[in-house]
């Protein structure tokens, strides 16, 4: 299938698909005219990539651990090897720190508003 068909089937833009290719997480074939050609298995792969990115994993991490992704009846899951677990835990810790900083700022804004 062509890039426009894959985009339509996955809900991922052609631009994002090209980005995935540039980052090495999606590797399409090429037809004799040089057009990208995707296999049926690429539909699942793109959905796995999208799920991982939507969960906060950068494409560099997706590239390293895409083979840990599994798709099933309950969506995409990851087989958590120790290195991937460490990366996921690190991302979660950074998100907790960012949330705490945002809550602190919200409290400070509330204090400013209450004082005026």
Protein backbone atom coordinates (compact mmCIF):
# COMPACT_ATOMS: atom_id res chain seq x y z
CA UNK A 1 0.00 0.00 0.00
CA UNK A 2 1.09 3.58 -0.57
CA UNK A 3 1.75 6.15 2.15
CA UNK A 4 -1.67 7.78 1.70
CA UNK A 5 -3.38 4.43 2.24
CA UNK A 6 -1.34 3.70 5.35
CA UNK A 7 -2.12 7.17 6.67
CA UNK A 8 -5.84 6.63 6.11
CA UNK A 9 -5.84 3.19 7.74
CA UNK A 10 -3.89 4.26 10.83
CA UNK A 11 -5.05 7.84 11.35
CA UNK A 12 -1.41 8.95 11.27
CA UNK A 13 -0.50 11.71 8.82
CA UNK A 14 1.80 11.05 5.87
CA UNK A 15 4.13 13.64 7.37
CA UNK A 16 4.33 11.65 10.62
CA UNK A 17 4.95 8.45 8.66
CA UNK A 18 7.84 10.10 6.85
CA UNK A 19 9.15 11.30 10.23
CA UNK A 20 8.98 7.72 11.56
CA UNK A 21 11.00 6.66 8.53
CA UNK A 22 13.59 9.42 9.08
CA UNK A 23 13.96 8.33 12.71
CA UNK A 24 14.40 4.68 11.70
CA UNK A 25 11.31 3.26 13.38
CA UNK A 26 9.43 2.48 10.16
CA UNK A 27 11.19 1.09 7.10
CA UNK A 28 9.04 0.96 3.96
CA UNK A 29 9.93 -0.85 0.80
CA UNK A 30 10.26 1.02 -2.47
CA UNK A 31 8.62 0.23 -5.79
CA UNK A 32 10.47 0.67 -9.11
CA UNK A 33 9.27 4.29 -9.30
CA UNK A 34 10.75 5.05 -5.87
CA UNK A 35 7.38 5.32 -4.10
CA UNK A 36 7.18 4.05 -0.56
CA UNK A 37 5.37 0.73 -0.36
CA UNK A 38 4.04 -0.56 2.94
CA UNK A 39 3.10 -4.09 3.93
CA UNK A 40 -0.03 -5.07 5.83
CA UNK A 41 2.17 -5.64 8.90
CA UNK A 42 3.12 -1.94 8.81
CA UNK A 43 -0.42 -1.03 9.89
CA UNK A 44 0.19 -2.76 13.23
CA UNK A 45 3.70 -1.35 13.43
CA UNK A 46 2.49 2.23 12.96
CA UNK A 47 -0.19 1.76 15.62
CA UNK A 48 2.47 0.44 17.99
CA UNK A 49 4.75 3.38 17.24
CA UNK A 50 1.91 5.87 17.71
CA UNK A 51 0.88 4.29 21.02
CA UNK A 52 4.45 4.42 22.32
CA UNK A 53 4.91 8.04 21.25
CA UNK A 54 1.52 9.03 22.69
CA UNK A 55 2.64 7.47 26.00
CA UNK A 56 5.61 9.85 26.08
CA UNK A 57 8.42 7.73 24.66
CA UNK A 58 10.72 9.63 22.29
CA UNK A 59 11.35 8.10 18.86
CA UNK A 60 14.90 7.20 19.90
CA UNK A 61 13.47 4.97 22.63
CA UNK A 62 10.77 3.64 20.30
CA UNK A 63 13.49 2.66 17.81
CA UNK A 64 15.41 0.73 20.48
CA UNK A 65 12.38 -1.06 21.92
CA UNK A 66 9.82 -1.39 19.11
CA UNK A 67 10.47 -5.13 19.03
CA UNK A 68 9.18 -5.29 22.63
CA UNK A 69 5.76 -4.01 21.49
CA UNK A 70 2.91 -6.48 21.31
CA UNK A 71 -0.57 -5.82 19.95
CA UNK A 72 -3.51 -7.75 21.27
CA UNK A 73 -7.15 -7.56 22.22
CA UNK A 74 -6.37 -4.95 24.87
CA UNK A 75 -4.21 -2.68 22.71
CA UNK A 76 -0.47 -2.29 22.63
CA UNK A 77 1.68 -3.57 25.49
CA UNK A 78 5.43 -3.76 25.99
CA UNK A 79 7.53 -6.66 27.16
CA UNK A 80 9.46 -4.87 29.87
CA UNK A 81 13.11 -5.81 29.72
CA UNK A 82 15.22 -4.17 32.46
CA UNK A 83 16.60 -1.44 30.19
CA UNK A 84 13.15 -0.47 28.94
CA UNK A 85 11.76 -0.54 32.48
CA UNK A 86 14.51 1.88 33.53
CA UNK A 87 13.66 4.28 30.67
CA UNK A 88 9.93 4.13 31.39
CA UNK A 89 10.55 4.69 35.10
CA UNK A 90 12.82 7.65 34.26
CA UNK A 91 10.16 9.24 32.07
CA UNK A 92 7.55 8.71 34.79
CA UNK A 93 9.83 10.33 37.38
CA UNK A 94 10.39 13.36 35.13
CA UNK A 95 6.63 13.68 34.62
CA UNK A 96 6.10 13.56 38.40
CA UNK A 97 8.67 16.34 38.82
CA UNK A 98 7.00 18.44 36.12
CA UNK A 99 3.57 17.89 37.68
CA UNK A 100 4.89 18.96 41.10
CA UNK A 101 6.44 22.09 39.59
CA UNK A 102 3.16 22.95 37.83
CA UNK A 103 1.18 22.43 41.03
CA UNK A 104 3.61 24.71 42.85
CA UNK A 105 3.16 27.40 40.19
CA UNK A 106 -0.62 27.03 40.36
CA UNK A 107 -0.48 27.44 44.15
CA UNK A 108 1.69 30.57 43.77
CA UNK A 109 -0.72 32.02 41.21
CA UNK A 110 -3.61 31.31 43.57
CA UNK A 111 -1.78 33.07 46.38
CA UNK A 112 -1.13 36.08 44.14
CA UNK A 113 -4.77 36.23 43.06
CA UNK A 114 -6.02 35.90 46.64
CA UNK A 115 -3.79 38.72 47.81
CA UNK A 116 -5.09 41.25 45.32
